[in-house]
Amino acid sequence: MKKYVNAKEVLPESLIKEIQKYVKGKHIYIPQTERQNWGSSTGIRDEMEQRNEEITRRYYGGLSIAKLAVIFNLSEERIRGIIYERQSD
């Protein structure tokens, strides 16, 4: 659920009046000027990178793609993709 902020709480009165010339009484969304990379704020990107490193390490350590798919609960196709992506890096 989105939490909306009343413009009076965060914007100067002069700016509110200027905005009202264009969108009086309507809800507007003001996006961030710089977007964060996916997963950077939650840490999921780092977790996936570590997981993919572990998959690659175990594959080159002798585990089969089928076994890795079971261990990491991923499809064999996804395991192959991870291994091939890391080969090209």
N, C-alpha and C. Protein backbone atom coordinates (compact mmCIF):
# COMPACT_ATOMS: atom_id res chain seq x y z
N MET A 1 0.84 -1.18 0.00
CA MET A 1 0.00 0.00 0.00
C MET A 1 0.89 1.24 0.00
N LYS A 2 0.56 2.16 -0.87
CA LYS A 2 1.34 3.40 -1.01
C LYS A 2 0.96 4.39 0.08
N LYS A 3 1.94 5.12 0.56
CA LYS A 3 1.67 6.18 1.53
C LYS A 3 1.89 7.50 0.82
N TYR A 4 0.85 8.29 0.78
CA TYR A 4 0.93 9.59 0.15
C TYR A 4 1.25 10.65 1.18
N VAL A 5 1.96 11.68 0.76
CA VAL A 5 2.35 12.78 1.63
C VAL A 5 1.65 14.03 1.14
N ASN A 6 1.08 14.78 2.06
CA ASN A 6 0.45 16.05 1.71
C ASN A 6 1.55 17.01 1.29
N ALA A 7 1.35 17.64 0.13
CA ALA A 7 2.36 18.56 -0.40
C ALA A 7 2.70 19.66 0.59
N LYS A 8 1.73 20.10 1.39
CA LYS A 8 1.98 21.17 2.36
C LYS A 8 3.02 20.78 3.40
N GLU A 9 3.19 19.47 3.58
CA GLU A 9 4.16 18.99 4.56
C GLU A 9 5.59 19.01 4.05
N VAL A 10 5.77 19.01 2.72
CA VAL A 10 7.13 18.86 2.20
C VAL A 10 7.55 19.91 1.17
N LEU A 11 6.62 20.70 0.66
CA LEU A 11 6.95 21.68 -0.37
C LEU A 11 6.66 23.09 0.09
N PRO A 12 7.44 24.05 -0.39
CA PRO A 12 7.15 25.44 -0.05
C PRO A 12 5.85 25.89 -0.73
N GLU A 13 5.17 26.83 -0.10
CA GLU A 13 3.87 27.31 -0.58
C GLU A 13 3.96 27.82 -2.02
N SER A 14 5.04 28.51 -2.35
CA SER A 14 5.18 29.05 -3.71
C SER A 14 5.23 27.93 -4.76
N LEU A 15 5.88 26.84 -4.43
CA LEU A 15 5.94 25.72 -5.37
C LEU A 15 4.58 25.04 -5.49
N ILE A 16 3.87 24.90 -4.39
CA ILE A 16 2.53 24.31 -4.42
C ILE A 16 1.63 25.12 -5.33
N LYS A 17 1.67 26.44 -5.21
CA LYS A 17 0.83 27.30 -6.06
C LYS A 17 1.18 27.13 -7.54
N GLU A 18 2.46 27.01 -7.82
CA GLU A 18 2.88 26.82 -9.21
C GLU A 18 2.38 25.47 -9.75
N ILE A 19 2.51 24.42 -8.98
CA ILE A 19 2.04 23.09 -9.39
C ILE A 19 0.52 23.09 -9.58
N GLN A 20 -0.21 23.79 -8.71
CA GLN A 20 -1.66 23.84 -8.80
C GLN A 20 -2.15 24.47 -10.11
N LYS A 21 -1.33 25.26 -10.75
CA LYS A 21 -1.71 25.82 -12.05
C LYS A 21 -1.92 24.72 -13.09
N TYR A 22 -1.23 23.60 -12.89
CA TYR A 22 -1.26 22.51 -13.86
C TYR A 22 -2.11 21.32 -13.41
N VAL A 23 -2.12 21.02 -12.13
CA VAL A 23 -2.80 19.81 -11.65
C VAL A 23 -3.61 20.06 -10.38
N LYS A 24 -4.39 21.06 -10.34
CA LYS A 24 -5.16 21.41 -9.15
C LYS A 24 -6.09 20.26 -8.74
N GLY A 25 -5.95 19.82 -7.50
CA GLY A 25 -6.84 18.82 -6.92
C GLY A 25 -6.62 17.40 -7.38
N LYS A 26 -5.59 17.12 -8.15
CA LYS A 26 -5.32 15.77 -8.62
C LYS A 26 -4.11 15.20 -7.90
N HIS A 27 -4.05 13.88 -7.89
CA HIS A 27 -2.88 13.20 -7.33
C HIS A 27 -1.81 13.15 -8.40
N ILE A 28 -0.59 13.45 -8.01
CA ILE A 28 0.52 13.34 -8.96
C ILE A 28 1.62 12.52 -8.32
N TYR A 29 2.41 11.90 -9.16
CA TYR A 29 3.56 11.11 -8.71
C TYR A 29 4.82 11.83 -9.17
N ILE A 30 5.73 12.05 -8.27
CA ILE A 30 7.00 12.70 -8.61
C ILE A 30 8.09 11.65 -8.44
N PRO A 31 8.63 11.15 -9.54
CA PRO A 31 9.64 10.08 -9.45
C PRO A 31 10.97 10.61 -8.94
N GLN A 32 11.77 9.69 -8.45
CA GLN A 32 13.13 10.05 -8.05
C GLN A 32 13.92 10.44 -9.28
N THR A 33 14.88 11.31 -9.11
CA THR A 33 15.68 11.72 -10.26
C THR A 33 16.69 10.65 -10.64
N GLU A 34 17.18 9.90 -9.67
CA GLU A 34 18.12 8.81 -9.94
C GLU A 34 17.54 7.53 -9.38
N ARG A 35 17.46 6.54 -10.23
CA ARG A 35 16.95 5.25 -9.79
C ARG A 35 18.08 4.39 -9.28
N GLN A 36 17.78 3.64 -8.24
CA GLN A 36 18.77 2.70 -7.74
C GLN A 36 18.75 1.45 -8.61
N ASN A 37 19.87 0.78 -8.68
CA ASN A 37 19.92 -0.48 -9.40
C ASN A 37 19.05 -1.50 -8.69
N TRP A 38 18.49 -2.40 -9.48
CA TRP A 38 17.61 -3.43 -8.94
C TRP A 38 18.33 -4.19 -7.84
N GLY A 39 17.66 -4.35 -6.70
CA GLY A 39 18.18 -5.15 -5.61
C GLY A 39 19.24 -4.50 -4.76
N SER A 40 19.65 -3.29 -5.08
CA SER A 40 20.74 -2.68 -4.32
C SER A 40 20.31 -2.26 -2.92
N SER A 41 19.06 -1.88 -2.75
CA SER A 41 18.63 -1.44 -1.42
C SER A 41 18.27 -2.61 -0.51
N THR A 42 17.92 -3.76 -1.08
CA THR A 42 17.52 -4.91 -0.27
C THR A 42 18.64 -5.92 -0.06
N GLY A 43 19.67 -5.83 -0.88
CA GLY A 43 20.77 -6.78 -0.79
C GLY A 43 20.55 -8.04 -1.61
N ILE A 44 19.40 -8.16 -2.27
CA ILE A 44 19.11 -9.38 -3.03
C ILE A 44 20.08 -9.55 -4.19
N ARG A 45 20.52 -8.45 -4.78
CA ARG A 45 21.48 -8.55 -5.90
C ARG A 45 22.77 -9.22 -5.42
N ASP A 46 23.27 -8.83 -4.25
CA ASP A 46 24.49 -9.44 -3.72
C ASP A 46 24.27 -10.91 -3.38
N GLU A 47 23.09 -11.21 -2.82
CA GLU A 47 22.79 -12.60 -2.48
C GLU A 47 22.76 -13.48 -3.74
N MET A 48 22.16 -12.97 -4.80
CA MET A 48 22.09 -13.75 -6.04
C MET A 48 23.48 -13.91 -6.66
N GLU A 49 24.29 -12.89 -6.56
CA GLU A 49 25.65 -12.97 -7.08
C GLU A 49 26.44 -14.05 -6.33
N GLN A 50 26.30 -14.06 -5.01
CA GLN A 50 26.97 -15.09 -4.20
C GLN A 50 26.46 -16.48 -4.55
N ARG A 51 25.13 -16.59 -4.72
CA ARG A 51 24.54 -17.88 -5.08
C ARG A 51 25.10 -18.35 -6.42
N ASN A 52 25.15 -17.45 -7.39
CA ASN A 52 25.64 -17.82 -8.72
C ASN A 52 27.12 -18.21 -8.69
N GLU A 53 27.90 -17.53 -7.86
CA GLU A 53 29.30 -17.92 -7.69
C GLU A 53 29.40 -19.33 -7.11
N GLU A 54 28.55 -19.61 -6.12
CA GLU A 54 28.54 -20.93 -5.49
C GLU A 54 28.14 -22.01 -6.50
N ILE A 55 27.14 -21.73 -7.32
CA ILE A 55 26.71 -22.69 -8.34
C ILE A 55 27.87 -22.98 -9.29
N THR A 56 28.53 -21.94 -9.76
CA THR A 56 29.65 -22.11 -10.69
C THR A 56 30.79 -22.88 -10.04
N ARG A 57 31.11 -22.52 -8.81
CA ARG A 57 32.20 -23.21 -8.09
C ARG A 57 31.90 -24.70 -7.95
N ARG A 58 30.68 -25.01 -7.55
CA ARG A 58 30.31 -26.42 -7.38
C ARG A 58 30.27 -27.17 -8.70
N TYR A 59 29.84 -26.50 -9.76
CA TYR A 59 29.81 -27.14 -11.08
C TYR A 59 31.23 -27.52 -11.50
N TYR A 60 32.16 -26.57 -11.38
CA TYR A 60 33.54 -26.86 -11.74
C TYR A 60 34.22 -27.78 -10.73
N GLY A 61 33.61 -27.94 -9.59
CA GLY A 61 34.09 -28.90 -8.60
C GLY A 61 33.57 -30.31 -8.86
N GLY A 62 32.71 -30.46 -9.86
CA GLY A 62 32.29 -31.80 -10.24
C GLY A 62 30.81 -32.12 -10.10
N LEU A 63 30.01 -31.23 -9.54
CA LEU A 63 28.57 -31.52 -9.42
C LEU A 63 27.88 -31.35 -10.77
N SER A 64 26.92 -32.20 -11.01
CA SER A 64 26.19 -32.14 -12.27
C SER A 64 25.16 -31.00 -12.25
N ILE A 65 24.73 -30.60 -13.43
CA ILE A 65 23.70 -29.58 -13.55
C ILE A 65 22.42 -30.05 -12.90
N ALA A 66 22.08 -31.32 -13.06
CA ALA A 66 20.86 -31.87 -12.46
C ALA A 66 20.92 -31.77 -10.93
N LYS A 67 22.05 -32.10 -10.36
CA LYS A 67 22.21 -32.05 -8.90
C LYS A 67 22.14 -30.60 -8.40
N LEU A 68 22.78 -29.69 -9.12
CA LEU A 68 22.74 -28.29 -8.74
C LEU A 68 21.31 -27.74 -8.81
N ALA A 69 20.55 -28.17 -9.79
CA ALA A 69 19.16 -27.73 -9.91
C ALA A 69 18.35 -28.14 -8.69
N VAL A 70 18.60 -29.33 -8.19
CA VAL A 70 17.91 -29.80 -6.98
C VAL A 70 18.37 -29.02 -5.76
N ILE A 71 19.66 -28.86 -5.61
CA ILE A 71 20.22 -28.17 -4.43
C ILE A 71 19.72 -26.74 -4.35
N PHE A 72 19.71 -26.02 -5.48
CA PHE A 72 19.36 -24.60 -5.48
C PHE A 72 17.91 -24.33 -5.88
N ASN A 73 17.16 -25.41 -6.08
CA ASN A 73 15.75 -25.29 -6.42
C ASN A 73 15.53 -24.41 -7.66
N LEU A 74 16.34 -24.66 -8.67
CA LEU A 74 16.24 -23.95 -9.95
C LEU A 74 16.12 -24.98 -11.07
N SER A 75 15.67 -24.53 -12.22
CA SER A 75 15.59 -25.45 -13.37
C SER A 75 17.01 -25.70 -13.89
N GLU A 76 17.16 -26.84 -14.57
CA GLU A 76 18.45 -27.14 -15.17
C GLU A 76 18.81 -26.08 -16.20
N GLU A 77 17.81 -25.58 -16.90
CA GLU A 77 18.05 -24.53 -17.89
C GLU A 77 18.63 -23.28 -17.24
N ARG A 78 18.09 -22.90 -16.08
CA ARG A 78 18.60 -21.71 -15.37
C ARG A 78 20.02 -21.94 -14.86
N ILE A 79 20.30 -23.14 -14.37
CA ILE A 79 21.65 -23.47 -13.91
C ILE A 79 22.63 -23.34 -15.07
N ARG A 80 22.26 -23.89 -16.23
CA ARG A 80 23.12 -23.77 -17.42
C ARG A 80 23.35 -22.30 -17.76
N GLY A 81 22.28 -21.50 -17.71
CA GLY A 81 22.39 -20.08 -18.02
C GLY A 81 23.36 -19.38 -17.09
N ILE A 82 23.28 -19.67 -15.81
CA ILE A 82 24.18 -19.06 -14.82
C ILE A 82 25.63 -19.43 -15.12
N ILE A 83 25.86 -20.70 -15.40
CA ILE A 83 27.22 -21.17 -15.68
C ILE A 83 27.77 -20.53 -16.96
N TYR A 84 26.94 -20.49 -18.00
CA TYR A 84 27.39 -19.90 -19.26
C TYR A 84 27.59 -18.41 -19.17
N GLU A 85 26.74 -17.72 -18.41
CA GLU A 85 26.91 -16.28 -18.21
C GLU A 85 28.24 -15.98 -17.55
N ARG A 86 28.59 -16.79 -16.57
CA ARG A 86 29.81 -16.55 -15.82
C ARG A 86 31.05 -16.93 -16.62
N GLN A 87 30.90 -17.83 -17.59
CA GLN A 87 32.03 -18.20 -18.46
C GLN A 87 32.42 -17.02 -19.35
N SER A 88 31.41 -16.24 -19.76
CA SER A 88 31.67 -15.14 -20.69
C SER A 88 32.17 -13.89 -19.98
N ASP A 89 32.12 -13.85 -18.65
CA ASP A 89 32.59 -12.67 -17.90
C ASP A 89 34.09 -12.56 -17.88
